[in-house]
């Protein structure tokens, strides 16, 4: 059985994230979507909210589990029996960052491979940061996030 970990902050879960998780679920026997609880980012949603949103979005995938984690991704992968870390790539700017991270992870855990899945064309421009900016300014985020995520964003920005 091949287990993969798909880590990220997922603040919030976008259709691009869901696309990568869905495609990973078709490749690997089990996928753990690992939501980092302390990324070096300003988060809009709590860890629990991010886990809940992603779990709802991926509920139809029986071989996918959604959990929060802290610490190194390679440590989580080892604890979970994962041999693969899945990452999504949108554009060349992503590549450089992901390449550096993959090399560091290989140094820390040479037994764990990093597999990068290219984004689907319709999500090439989509980032959680840009999405939040559009949402806070009242722009349409239709077809960029699941309905329950759009609702959660509206509630956050109405406060």
Protein backbone atom coordinates (compact mmCIF):
# COMPACT_ATOMS: atom_id res chain seq x y z
CA UNK A 1 0.00 0.00 0.00
CA UNK A 2 1.41 3.36 -1.03
CA UNK A 3 0.65 6.21 1.37
CA UNK A 4 1.17 9.84 0.34
CA UNK A 5 1.07 13.03 2.38
CA UNK A 6 -0.24 16.24 0.78
CA UNK A 7 0.78 19.05 3.17
CA UNK A 8 -0.17 22.70 3.19
CA UNK A 9 -1.77 25.51 5.10
CA UNK A 10 -4.94 25.41 2.95
CA UNK A 11 -6.10 28.83 4.17
CA UNK A 12 -8.66 28.34 2.70
CA UNK A 13 -9.09 25.18 0.65
CA UNK A 14 -9.40 26.15 -3.02
CA UNK A 15 -10.62 24.16 -5.99
CA UNK A 16 -6.95 23.93 -7.01
CA UNK A 17 -6.07 22.20 -3.72
CA UNK A 18 -9.05 19.89 -4.10
CA UNK A 19 -8.01 19.07 -7.67
CA UNK A 20 -4.51 18.05 -6.54
CA UNK A 21 -5.87 15.97 -3.63
CA UNK A 22 -8.39 14.24 -5.91
CA UNK A 23 -5.75 13.42 -8.50
CA UNK A 24 -3.37 12.17 -5.80
CA UNK A 25 -6.17 9.93 -4.47
CA UNK A 26 -6.42 8.34 -7.92
CA UNK A 27 -2.68 7.56 -7.91
CA UNK A 28 -1.97 6.47 -4.32
CA UNK A 29 -3.72 3.92 -2.12
CA UNK A 30 -4.08 6.37 0.75
CA UNK A 31 -3.63 10.15 0.88
CA UNK A 32 -3.26 12.15 4.06
CA UNK A 33 -4.08 15.81 3.53
CA UNK A 34 -1.93 17.34 6.24
CA UNK A 35 -2.91 20.82 7.36
CA UNK A 36 -0.01 22.61 8.97
CA UNK A 37 -1.10 24.22 12.21
CA UNK A 38 1.67 26.81 12.47
CA UNK A 39 2.78 28.02 9.04
CA UNK A 40 4.82 31.21 8.81
CA UNK A 41 1.82 33.01 7.35
CA UNK A 42 -0.94 35.25 8.59
CA UNK A 43 -3.88 32.87 8.72
CA UNK A 44 -7.50 33.82 8.25
CA UNK A 45 -8.92 30.52 9.50
CA UNK A 46 -8.06 28.47 12.58
CA UNK A 47 -6.52 25.04 12.21
CA UNK A 48 -9.85 23.44 13.12
CA UNK A 49 -11.71 25.51 10.52
CA UNK A 50 -9.20 24.61 7.81
CA UNK A 51 -9.38 20.91 8.68
CA UNK A 52 -13.18 21.03 8.65
CA UNK A 53 -13.38 22.85 5.30
CA UNK A 54 -10.96 20.45 3.61
CA UNK A 55 -12.61 17.37 5.14
CA UNK A 56 -16.00 18.50 3.80
CA UNK A 57 -14.52 19.20 0.37
CA UNK A 58 -12.92 15.75 0.17
CA UNK A 59 -15.66 13.74 1.89
CA UNK A 60 -16.39 11.79 -1.30
CA UNK A 61 -12.89 10.31 -1.44
CA UNK A 62 -12.76 7.21 0.78
CA UNK A 63 -8.97 6.86 0.63
CA UNK A 64 -8.31 10.43 1.80
CA UNK A 65 -7.94 11.51 5.43
CA UNK A 66 -7.55 15.10 6.60
CA UNK A 67 -5.51 15.86 9.72
CA UNK A 68 -3.61 18.77 11.22
CA UNK A 69 0.06 18.48 12.07
CA UNK A 70 2.98 20.44 13.42
CA UNK A 71 6.66 19.97 12.89
CA UNK A 72 8.43 18.67 9.81
CA UNK A 73 6.48 17.10 6.97
CA UNK A 74 9.06 14.32 6.68
CA UNK A 75 8.48 13.40 10.33
CA UNK A 76 4.74 13.20 9.69
CA UNK A 77 5.38 11.09 6.59
CA UNK A 78 7.54 8.67 8.58
CA UNK A 79 4.97 8.40 11.39
CA UNK A 80 2.24 7.76 8.81
CA UNK A 81 4.20 5.21 6.81
CA UNK A 82 4.13 7.50 3.76
CA UNK A 83 6.78 7.11 1.11
CA UNK A 84 5.61 10.11 -0.91
CA UNK A 85 5.02 13.82 -0.32
CA UNK A 86 2.66 15.35 -2.89
CA UNK A 87 2.97 18.98 -3.92
CA UNK A 88 1.08 21.02 -6.49
CA UNK A 89 2.77 23.26 -9.04
CA UNK A 90 1.07 26.19 -10.75
CA UNK A 91 3.80 28.14 -12.49
CA UNK A 92 7.54 28.60 -12.71
CA UNK A 93 7.54 30.70 -9.52
CA UNK A 94 6.21 27.67 -7.61
CA UNK A 95 8.88 25.44 -9.10
CA UNK A 96 11.83 27.20 -7.52
CA UNK A 97 10.33 27.13 -4.02
CA UNK A 98 9.13 23.52 -4.36
CA UNK A 99 12.49 22.43 -5.77
CA UNK A 100 14.35 23.87 -2.76
CA UNK A 101 11.87 22.28 -0.38
CA UNK A 102 12.12 18.91 -2.15
CA UNK A 103 15.91 18.97 -1.89
CA UNK A 104 15.75 19.82 1.83
CA UNK A 105 13.24 17.03 2.41
CA UNK A 106 15.47 14.60 0.51
CA UNK A 107 18.39 15.62 2.73
CA UNK A 108 16.26 15.05 5.86
CA UNK A 109 14.55 11.87 4.64
CA UNK A 110 16.13 10.31 1.55
CA UNK A 111 13.67 7.41 1.68
CA UNK A 112 10.70 9.73 0.98
CA UNK A 113 10.03 10.94 -2.56
CA UNK A 114 8.43 14.24 -3.52
CA UNK A 115 5.93 14.04 -6.36
CA UNK A 116 4.75 17.29 -7.93
CA UNK A 117 1.44 17.35 -9.76
CA UNK A 118 0.94 20.12 -12.28
CA UNK A 119 -2.20 22.14 -11.71
CA UNK A 120 -5.13 21.83 -14.03
CA UNK A 121 -5.22 24.77 -16.44
CA UNK A 122 -8.39 26.26 -14.93
CA UNK A 123 -6.59 26.71 -11.59
CA UNK A 124 -3.28 28.02 -12.92
CA UNK A 125 -3.90 31.53 -11.54
CA UNK A 126 -5.53 30.47 -8.28
CA UNK A 127 -3.80 31.03 -4.96
CA UNK A 128 -5.34 31.18 -1.49
CA UNK A 129 -3.74 34.61 -0.91
CA UNK A 130 -5.15 36.09 -4.10
CA UNK A 131 -8.51 34.46 -3.45
CA UNK A 132 -8.73 36.06 0.01
CA UNK A 133 -7.91 39.44 -1.47
CA UNK A 134 -10.70 39.11 -4.05
CA UNK A 135 -13.14 37.93 -1.37
CA UNK A 136 -12.36 40.77 1.06
CA UNK A 137 -12.91 43.29 -1.72
CA UNK A 138 -16.30 41.75 -2.54
CA UNK A 139 -15.32 40.09 -5.82
CA UNK A 140 -16.82 36.86 -7.07
CA UNK A 141 -15.02 33.69 -6.01
CA UNK A 142 -17.57 31.46 -7.75
CA UNK A 143 -15.90 28.34 -9.20
CA UNK A 144 -12.73 28.99 -7.20
CA UNK A 145 -13.77 27.34 -3.91
CA UNK A 146 -16.49 24.95 -2.80
CA UNK A 147 -19.72 26.63 -1.68
CA UNK A 148 -19.07 25.92 2.02
CA UNK A 149 -15.67 27.64 1.77
CA UNK A 150 -17.20 30.67 0.01
CA UNK A 151 -19.75 30.88 2.82
CA UNK A 152 -17.00 30.70 5.46
CA UNK A 153 -15.08 33.47 3.69
CA UNK A 154 -18.16 35.72 3.58
CA UNK A 155 -18.71 35.17 7.31
CA UNK A 156 -15.09 36.04 8.12
CA UNK A 157 -15.17 39.24 6.11
CA UNK A 158 -18.56 40.38 7.46
CA UNK A 159 -17.16 40.50 11.00
